[in-house]
Amino acid sequence: MTSPADRRSDLTGRADIDRTVRTFYERALADPVLAPAFEILAVVGLEQHLPVVGDFWEQILFRTARYQGEFTLVHRALNRQHGLAGEKLARWLHLWCETVDEHFAGPDAERAKTKARAMAEALERSWDGVENHRARN
């Protein structure tokens, strides 16, 4: 007997990314740890934001050139406002990986989680660097 997890397919394109991103954001908006940082979407508009995030992940996973945002700058500002480092970033990563695992299995699904881990580590380093720079000056 096979479990539902055994029938998961790999991430294959934009429709899969959009499904993953939407599910992740729905969970993040309801998550007690993450919800305060995601409340800005009430102002920006979730429906306007999701395609931008989809463009980002499509570029990361499938090397398209649709994303035109400033990932690091946006998240640096969010970190200043909401303190995203530590527990919140770990929660974000856990929720992302859990969402990917729930729906997909395969090389691109694994790459989505690996890239998320690398982004989380890079953000932490950049935030630490900014804070260390401020402390020295």
Protein backbone atom coordinates (compact mmCIF):
# COMPACT_ATOMS: atom_id res chain seq x y z
CA MET A 1 0.00 0.00 0.00
CA THR A 2 1.38 3.44 -0.93
CA SER A 3 0.87 6.55 1.11
CA PRO A 4 -0.21 9.89 -0.39
CA ALA A 5 3.35 11.12 0.14
CA ASP A 6 4.60 8.37 -2.17
CA ARG A 7 2.48 9.77 -5.00
CA ARG A 8 3.85 13.30 -4.84
CA SER A 9 5.34 14.60 -8.06
CA ASP A 10 8.19 17.05 -8.43
CA LEU A 11 7.80 20.80 -8.81
CA THR A 12 7.56 21.25 -12.56
CA GLY A 13 6.74 24.88 -13.30
CA ARG A 14 4.91 28.06 -12.49
CA ALA A 15 1.58 26.48 -11.54
CA ASP A 16 3.34 24.37 -8.90
CA ILE A 17 5.24 27.40 -7.62
CA ASP A 18 2.06 29.46 -7.40
CA ARG A 19 0.31 26.67 -5.48
CA THR A 20 3.22 26.37 -3.05
CA VAL A 21 3.56 30.12 -2.54
CA ARG A 22 -0.19 30.60 -1.94
CA THR A 23 -0.34 27.73 0.55
CA PHE A 24 2.76 28.99 2.35
CA TYR A 25 1.41 32.56 2.64
CA GLU A 26 -1.97 31.36 3.88
CA ARG A 27 -0.17 29.43 6.62
CA ALA A 28 2.24 32.26 7.43
CA LEU A 29 -0.63 34.73 7.80
CA ALA A 30 -2.26 32.39 10.33
CA ASP A 31 0.96 31.48 12.13
CA PRO A 32 1.30 33.12 15.58
CA VAL A 33 5.06 33.61 15.16
CA LEU A 34 5.01 34.90 11.57
CA ALA A 35 1.67 36.69 11.25
CA PRO A 36 2.87 40.08 12.59
CA ALA A 37 5.63 40.27 9.96
CA PHE A 38 3.20 39.29 7.20
CA GLU A 39 0.52 41.82 8.19
CA ILE A 40 2.04 44.33 5.76
CA LEU A 41 0.34 42.31 3.05
CA ALA A 42 -2.98 43.70 4.26
CA VAL A 43 -1.69 47.07 3.02
CA VAL A 44 0.28 45.93 -0.03
CA GLY A 45 -2.31 43.36 -1.04
CA LEU A 46 -1.77 39.63 -1.02
CA GLU A 47 -3.12 39.13 -4.53
CA GLN A 48 -0.65 41.69 -5.89
CA HIS A 49 2.24 40.24 -3.88
CA LEU A 50 1.87 36.55 -4.71
CA PRO A 51 2.80 36.90 -8.42
CA VAL A 52 5.97 38.78 -7.42
CA VAL A 53 6.95 35.99 -5.03
CA GLY A 54 6.08 33.47 -7.74
CA ASP A 55 8.38 35.33 -10.14
CA PHE A 56 11.14 35.19 -7.53
CA TRP A 57 10.84 31.43 -6.98
CA GLU A 58 10.45 30.74 -10.70
CA GLN A 59 13.71 32.59 -11.28
CA ILE A 60 15.46 30.73 -8.47
CA LEU A 61 14.24 27.28 -9.50
CA PHE A 62 13.86 27.49 -13.25
CA ARG A 63 16.19 30.37 -14.18
CA THR A 64 13.62 32.70 -15.68
CA ALA A 65 14.19 36.45 -15.61
CA ARG A 66 10.80 37.67 -14.44
CA TYR A 67 11.64 38.80 -10.91
CA GLN A 68 12.47 42.51 -10.81
CA GLY A 69 12.42 43.12 -7.05
CA GLU A 70 15.03 43.83 -4.42
CA PHE A 71 14.88 40.72 -2.25
CA THR A 72 17.64 41.70 0.19
CA LEU A 73 16.53 45.31 0.66
CA VAL A 74 12.90 44.35 1.27
CA HIS A 75 13.82 41.73 3.84
CA ARG A 76 16.33 44.01 5.55
CA ALA A 77 13.56 46.57 6.05
CA LEU A 78 11.19 43.87 7.33
CA ASN A 79 13.86 42.65 9.73
CA ARG A 80 14.36 46.15 11.12
CA GLN A 81 10.63 46.48 11.68
CA HIS A 82 9.78 42.97 12.89
CA GLY A 83 13.02 41.33 14.03
CA LEU A 84 12.91 38.43 11.57
CA ALA A 85 16.19 36.85 12.63
CA GLY A 86 16.37 33.80 14.84
CA GLU A 87 13.06 32.16 15.73
CA LYS A 88 11.01 33.89 13.04
CA LEU A 89 13.41 33.04 10.25
CA ALA A 90 13.63 29.45 11.49
CA ARG A 91 9.85 29.28 11.56
CA TRP A 92 9.64 30.70 8.03
CA LEU A 93 12.07 28.06 6.80
CA HIS A 94 10.24 25.25 8.59
CA LEU A 95 6.89 26.34 7.20
CA TRP A 96 8.29 26.67 3.66
CA CYS A 97 9.90 23.22 3.74
CA GLU A 98 6.77 21.67 5.26
CA THR A 99 4.62 23.21 2.51
CA VAL A 100 6.94 21.96 -0.23
CA ASP A 101 7.09 18.46 1.30
CA GLU A 102 3.34 18.25 1.64
CA HIS A 103 2.78 18.60 -2.10
CA PHE A 104 6.00 17.67 -3.89
CA ALA A 105 8.94 15.27 -3.92
CA GLY A 106 11.85 15.21 -6.32
CA PRO A 107 14.99 17.10 -7.32
CA ASP A 108 13.30 20.48 -7.84
CA ALA A 109 11.32 20.18 -4.61
CA GLU A 110 14.58 19.44 -2.80
CA ARG A 111 16.19 22.40 -4.55
CA ALA A 112 13.34 24.67 -3.39
CA LYS A 113 14.14 23.72 0.20
CA THR A 114 17.92 23.93 -0.29
CA LYS A 115 17.61 27.39 -1.86
CA ALA A 116 15.36 28.52 1.00
CA ARG A 117 17.94 27.34 3.55
CA ALA A 118 20.69 29.18 1.68
CA MET A 119 18.58 32.35 1.52
CA ALA A 120 17.83 32.16 5.24
CA GLU A 121 21.54 31.79 6.01
CA ALA A 122 22.47 34.64 3.67
CA LEU A 123 19.82 36.91 5.21
CA GLU A 124 21.04 36.12 8.73
CA ARG A 125 24.63 36.89 7.72
CA SER A 126 23.65 40.14 6.03
CA TRP A 127 21.55 41.22 9.02
CA ASP A 128 24.38 40.35 11.41
CA GLY A 129 26.79 42.30 9.23
CA VAL A 130 24.55 45.38 9.21
CA GLU A 131 24.09 45.22 12.99
CA ASN A 132 27.82 44.67 13.58
CA HIS A 133 28.61 47.60 11.26
CA ARG A 134 26.16 49.86 13.15
CA ALA A 135 27.63 48.80 16.50
CA ARG A 136 31.14 49.74 15.36
CA ASN A 137 30.09 53.20 14.12
